Amino acid sequence: MPTRNINLTVAQDRFVEQVVKAGEYQSASEAIRDALRVLQQHRHEGALKLEALRIQIRAGVDALERGEFIEVEDADLGGYLEEVAAAAGNGPR
C-alpha cells in the first residue's frame, strides 16, 4: 500500500485520535481512508446531481424553444409558485 505524509490541523488530529480511541477505527490510516471514501462518494453524487440538473435545464430550454410555456406577471409570481408547489405536493406547511 502506498505511503503518503499528510499534515493535519490540530483539531483534525484530535478528531482522528478520538475516533481511534473510541474503537470506531483500528488506526489513523483506516480513519483517513474512510474519510477519503466519503469525499469520493460526495464528489460522485455531486457530479450526478449536476448532470441531472443539466438534463433538466436542457429540457426547459427545449420547451421554451417549442413555445411550451406560460407567462406570469411579476405581481402574480408568488401565487403561481405556490400553486405549482401545491400541485407537486410541496405546498406550504
N, C-alpha and C. Protein backbone atom coordinates (compact mmCIF):
# COMPACT_ATOMS: atom_id res chain seq x y z
N MET A 1 0.85 -1.18 0.00
CA MET A 1 0.00 0.00 0.00
C MET A 1 0.90 1.24 0.00
N PRO A 2 0.62 2.21 -0.88
CA PRO A 2 1.45 3.42 -0.91
C PRO A 2 1.38 4.17 0.42
N THR A 3 2.47 4.82 0.75
CA THR A 3 2.54 5.63 1.96
C THR A 3 2.63 7.09 1.55
N ARG A 4 1.92 7.93 2.29
CA ARG A 4 1.90 9.36 1.99
C ARG A 4 1.93 10.12 3.30
N ASN A 5 2.72 11.15 3.37
CA ASN A 5 2.74 12.01 4.55
C ASN A 5 1.73 13.13 4.33
N ILE A 6 0.92 13.39 5.35
CA ILE A 6 -0.05 14.47 5.25
C ILE A 6 0.03 15.33 6.50
N ASN A 7 -0.37 16.56 6.37
CA ASN A 7 -0.41 17.48 7.51
C ASN A 7 -1.86 17.71 7.88
N LEU A 8 -2.15 17.55 9.16
CA LEU A 8 -3.49 17.79 9.68
C LEU A 8 -3.46 19.00 10.60
N THR A 9 -4.61 19.63 10.72
CA THR A 9 -4.70 20.68 11.73
C THR A 9 -4.75 19.99 13.10
N VAL A 10 -4.56 20.76 14.14
CA VAL A 10 -4.62 20.21 15.49
C VAL A 10 -6.01 19.59 15.73
N ALA A 11 -7.05 20.29 15.31
CA ALA A 11 -8.42 19.78 15.50
C ALA A 11 -8.64 18.48 14.74
N GLN A 12 -8.14 18.40 13.52
CA GLN A 12 -8.29 17.18 12.73
C GLN A 12 -7.54 16.02 13.39
N ASP A 13 -6.36 16.30 13.88
CA ASP A 13 -5.57 15.26 14.54
C ASP A 13 -6.29 14.76 15.80
N ARG A 14 -6.85 15.69 16.57
CA ARG A 14 -7.61 15.29 17.76
C ARG A 14 -8.80 14.42 17.39
N PHE A 15 -9.48 14.79 16.33
CA PHE A 15 -10.64 14.02 15.90
C PHE A 15 -10.23 12.60 15.51
N VAL A 16 -9.16 12.48 14.74
CA VAL A 16 -8.69 11.16 14.34
C VAL A 16 -8.34 10.35 15.58
N GLU A 17 -7.62 10.96 16.50
CA GLU A 17 -7.27 10.27 17.76
C GLU A 17 -8.54 9.82 18.48
N GLN A 18 -9.53 10.68 18.54
CA GLN A 18 -10.77 10.40 19.24
C GLN A 18 -11.49 9.19 18.65
N VAL A 19 -11.63 9.14 17.32
CA VAL A 19 -12.37 8.03 16.71
C VAL A 19 -11.60 6.72 16.82
N VAL A 20 -10.27 6.80 16.84
CA VAL A 20 -9.46 5.59 17.01
C VAL A 20 -9.58 5.10 18.45
N LYS A 21 -9.44 6.02 19.41
CA LYS A 21 -9.56 5.64 20.83
C LYS A 21 -10.94 5.09 21.15
N ALA A 22 -11.97 5.61 20.48
CA ALA A 22 -13.34 5.14 20.71
C ALA A 22 -13.58 3.77 20.09
N GLY A 23 -12.62 3.29 19.33
CA GLY A 23 -12.76 1.97 18.73
C GLY A 23 -13.52 1.96 17.41
N GLU A 24 -13.80 3.15 16.88
CA GLU A 24 -14.51 3.21 15.60
C GLU A 24 -13.61 2.78 14.45
N TYR A 25 -12.32 3.00 14.62
CA TYR A 25 -11.32 2.59 13.62
C TYR A 25 -10.15 1.98 14.36
N GLN A 26 -9.44 1.08 13.68
CA GLN A 26 -8.30 0.43 14.32
C GLN A 26 -7.04 1.29 14.27
N SER A 27 -7.02 2.24 13.31
CA SER A 27 -5.83 3.08 13.17
C SER A 27 -6.20 4.41 12.53
N ALA A 28 -5.28 5.35 12.63
CA ALA A 28 -5.47 6.65 11.99
C ALA A 28 -5.57 6.47 10.47
N SER A 29 -4.79 5.58 9.91
CA SER A 29 -4.83 5.34 8.47
C SER A 29 -6.21 4.87 8.03
N GLU A 30 -6.80 3.98 8.81
CA GLU A 30 -8.13 3.48 8.49
C GLU A 30 -9.16 4.61 8.53
N ALA A 31 -9.06 5.48 9.51
CA ALA A 31 -9.98 6.62 9.62
C ALA A 31 -9.82 7.56 8.43
N ILE A 32 -8.60 7.84 8.05
CA ILE A 32 -8.35 8.74 6.92
C ILE A 32 -8.83 8.11 5.62
N ARG A 33 -8.61 6.81 5.44
CA ARG A 33 -9.09 6.14 4.23
C ARG A 33 -10.61 6.21 4.14
N ASP A 34 -11.28 6.04 5.28
CA ASP A 34 -12.74 6.14 5.28
C ASP A 34 -13.18 7.56 4.93
N ALA A 35 -12.49 8.55 5.47
CA ALA A 35 -12.81 9.95 5.15
C ALA A 35 -12.64 10.21 3.65
N LEU A 36 -11.62 9.63 3.05
CA LEU A 36 -11.41 9.81 1.61
C LEU A 36 -12.49 9.10 0.80
N ARG A 37 -12.95 7.94 1.27
CA ARG A 37 -14.06 7.25 0.59
C ARG A 37 -15.31 8.12 0.62
N VAL A 38 -15.57 8.75 1.76
CA VAL A 38 -16.74 9.63 1.86
C VAL A 38 -16.59 10.83 0.92
N LEU A 39 -15.40 11.39 0.85
CA LEU A 39 -15.15 12.51 -0.07
C LEU A 39 -15.38 12.08 -1.52
N GLN A 40 -14.88 10.90 -1.88
CA GLN A 40 -15.08 10.40 -3.24
C GLN A 40 -16.57 10.21 -3.54
N GLN A 41 -17.30 9.64 -2.59
CA GLN A 41 -18.73 9.43 -2.77
C GLN A 41 -19.45 10.77 -2.90
N HIS A 42 -19.09 11.72 -2.07
CA HIS A 42 -19.70 13.05 -2.12
C HIS A 42 -19.47 13.71 -3.48
N ARG A 43 -18.26 13.61 -3.98
CA ARG A 43 -17.95 14.22 -5.29
C ARG A 43 -18.70 13.52 -6.41
N HIS A 44 -18.80 12.18 -6.33
CA HIS A 44 -19.53 11.42 -7.34
C HIS A 44 -21.01 11.81 -7.34
N GLU A 45 -21.61 11.90 -6.15
CA GLU A 45 -23.01 12.30 -6.04
C GLU A 45 -23.21 13.72 -6.57
N GLY A 46 -22.26 14.59 -6.29
CA GLY A 46 -22.34 15.96 -6.81
C GLY A 46 -22.31 15.98 -8.33
N ALA A 47 -21.47 15.16 -8.93
CA ALA A 47 -21.39 15.09 -10.39
C ALA A 47 -22.70 14.56 -10.97
N LEU A 48 -23.30 13.57 -10.31
CA LEU A 48 -24.58 13.02 -10.79
C LEU A 48 -25.68 14.07 -10.69
N LYS A 49 -25.71 14.83 -9.59
CA LYS A 49 -26.71 15.88 -9.42
C LYS A 49 -26.53 16.96 -10.48
N LEU A 50 -25.28 17.32 -10.77
CA LEU A 50 -25.01 18.33 -11.78
C LEU A 50 -25.48 17.86 -13.15
N GLU A 51 -25.23 16.60 -13.46
CA GLU A 51 -25.67 16.06 -14.75
C GLU A 51 -27.20 16.07 -14.85
N ALA A 52 -27.88 15.68 -13.76
CA ALA A 52 -29.34 15.70 -13.76
C ALA A 52 -29.86 17.13 -13.95
N LEU A 53 -29.21 18.08 -13.31
CA LEU A 53 -29.60 19.48 -13.46
C LEU A 53 -29.41 19.95 -14.90
N ARG A 54 -28.31 19.56 -15.52
CA ARG A 54 -28.06 19.93 -16.92
C ARG A 54 -29.14 19.36 -17.83
N ILE A 55 -29.56 18.12 -17.56
CA ILE A 55 -30.61 17.49 -18.36
C ILE A 55 -31.91 18.26 -18.20
N GLN A 56 -32.25 18.66 -16.96
CA GLN A 56 -33.47 19.41 -16.72
C GLN A 56 -33.42 20.79 -17.37
N ILE A 57 -32.27 21.42 -17.32
CA ILE A 57 -32.12 22.73 -17.97
C ILE A 57 -32.32 22.59 -19.48
N ARG A 58 -31.71 21.56 -20.05
CA ARG A 58 -31.85 21.33 -21.50
C ARG A 58 -33.31 21.10 -21.86
N ALA A 59 -34.02 20.32 -21.03
CA ALA A 59 -35.44 20.06 -21.29
C ALA A 59 -36.23 21.37 -21.21
N GLY A 60 -35.89 22.22 -20.25
CA GLY A 60 -36.57 23.50 -20.12
C GLY A 60 -36.31 24.42 -21.30
N VAL A 61 -35.07 24.47 -21.75
CA VAL A 61 -34.72 25.30 -22.90
C VAL A 61 -35.42 24.78 -24.15
N ASP A 62 -35.44 23.46 -24.32
CA ASP A 62 -36.14 22.87 -25.47
C ASP A 62 -37.62 23.23 -25.45
N ALA A 63 -38.25 23.16 -24.26
CA ALA A 63 -39.66 23.51 -24.14
C ALA A 63 -39.88 24.98 -24.49
N LEU A 64 -38.99 25.85 -24.04
CA LEU A 64 -39.11 27.27 -24.39
C LEU A 64 -39.02 27.46 -25.90
N GLU A 65 -38.08 26.77 -26.53
CA GLU A 65 -37.91 26.90 -27.97
C GLU A 65 -39.13 26.40 -28.74
N ARG A 66 -39.84 25.44 -28.17
CA ARG A 66 -41.07 24.92 -28.80
C ARG A 66 -42.28 25.78 -28.45
N GLY A 67 -42.08 26.79 -27.62
CA GLY A 67 -43.18 27.67 -27.23
C GLY A 67 -44.05 27.09 -26.13
N GLU A 68 -43.55 26.08 -25.44
CA GLU A 68 -44.31 25.43 -24.37
C GLU A 68 -44.02 26.11 -23.04
N PHE A 69 -44.67 27.23 -22.82
CA PHE A 69 -44.50 27.96 -21.57
C PHE A 69 -45.70 28.87 -21.37
N ILE A 70 -45.83 29.38 -20.15
CA ILE A 70 -46.86 30.37 -19.88
C ILE A 70 -46.16 31.59 -19.30
N GLU A 71 -46.73 32.73 -19.55
CA GLU A 71 -46.18 33.96 -19.00
C GLU A 71 -46.90 34.29 -17.71
N VAL A 72 -46.15 34.72 -16.71
CA VAL A 72 -46.70 35.09 -15.42
C VAL A 72 -46.21 36.50 -15.11
N GLU A 73 -47.13 37.36 -14.76
CA GLU A 73 -46.76 38.72 -14.40
C GLU A 73 -45.99 38.71 -13.08
N ASP A 74 -45.09 39.66 -12.90
CA ASP A 74 -44.30 39.73 -11.67
C ASP A 74 -45.19 39.72 -10.42
N ALA A 75 -46.26 40.45 -10.46
CA ALA A 75 -47.14 40.56 -9.30
C ALA A 75 -47.81 39.23 -8.97
N ASP A 76 -47.95 38.35 -9.96
CA ASP A 76 -48.62 37.06 -9.77
C ASP A 76 -47.65 35.91 -9.50
N LEU A 77 -46.37 36.20 -9.52
CA LEU A 77 -45.38 35.13 -9.44
C LEU A 77 -45.47 34.33 -8.14
N GLY A 78 -45.63 35.01 -7.00
CA GLY A 78 -45.71 34.32 -5.72
C GLY A 78 -46.87 33.34 -5.69
N GLY A 79 -48.03 33.77 -6.13
CA GLY A 79 -49.21 32.90 -6.16
C GLY A 79 -49.02 31.73 -7.10
N TYR A 80 -48.43 32.00 -8.25
CA TYR A 80 -48.20 30.94 -9.22
C TYR A 80 -47.26 29.87 -8.65
N LEU A 81 -46.19 30.31 -8.01
CA LEU A 81 -45.25 29.36 -7.43
C LEU A 81 -45.89 28.54 -6.32
N GLU A 82 -46.76 29.14 -5.54
CA GLU A 82 -47.49 28.40 -4.50
C GLU A 82 -48.39 27.34 -5.13
N GLU A 83 -49.05 27.67 -6.24
CA GLU A 83 -49.89 26.71 -6.94
C GLU A 83 -49.06 25.53 -7.46
N VAL A 84 -47.92 25.85 -8.04
CA VAL A 84 -47.05 24.80 -8.57
C VAL A 84 -46.56 23.89 -7.45
N ALA A 85 -46.14 24.50 -6.33
CA ALA A 85 -45.67 23.71 -5.19
C ALA A 85 -46.78 22.85 -4.63
N ALA A 86 -47.99 23.38 -4.53
CA ALA A 86 -49.12 22.61 -4.02
C ALA A 86 -49.44 21.44 -4.94
N ALA A 87 -49.41 21.68 -6.24
CA ALA A 87 -49.69 20.63 -7.21
C ALA A 87 -48.64 19.53 -7.16
N ALA A 88 -47.41 19.90 -6.78
CA ALA A 88 -46.32 18.93 -6.70
C ALA A 88 -46.27 18.26 -5.33
N GLY A 89 -47.19 18.67 -4.45
CA GLY A 89 -47.20 18.09 -3.10
C GLY A 89 -46.20 18.74 -2.18
N ASN A 90 -45.69 19.90 -2.54
CA ASN A 90 -44.71 20.61 -1.72
C ASN A 90 -45.27 21.92 -1.20
N GLY A 91 -46.57 21.96 -0.98
CA GLY A 91 -47.22 23.19 -0.55
C GLY A 91 -46.76 23.66 0.80
N PRO A 92 -47.19 24.84 1.19
CA PRO A 92 -46.80 25.38 2.50
C PRO A 92 -47.25 24.45 3.62
N ARG A 93 -46.48 24.40 4.67
CA ARG A 93 -46.77 23.52 5.81
C ARG A 93 -47.27 24.33 6.96
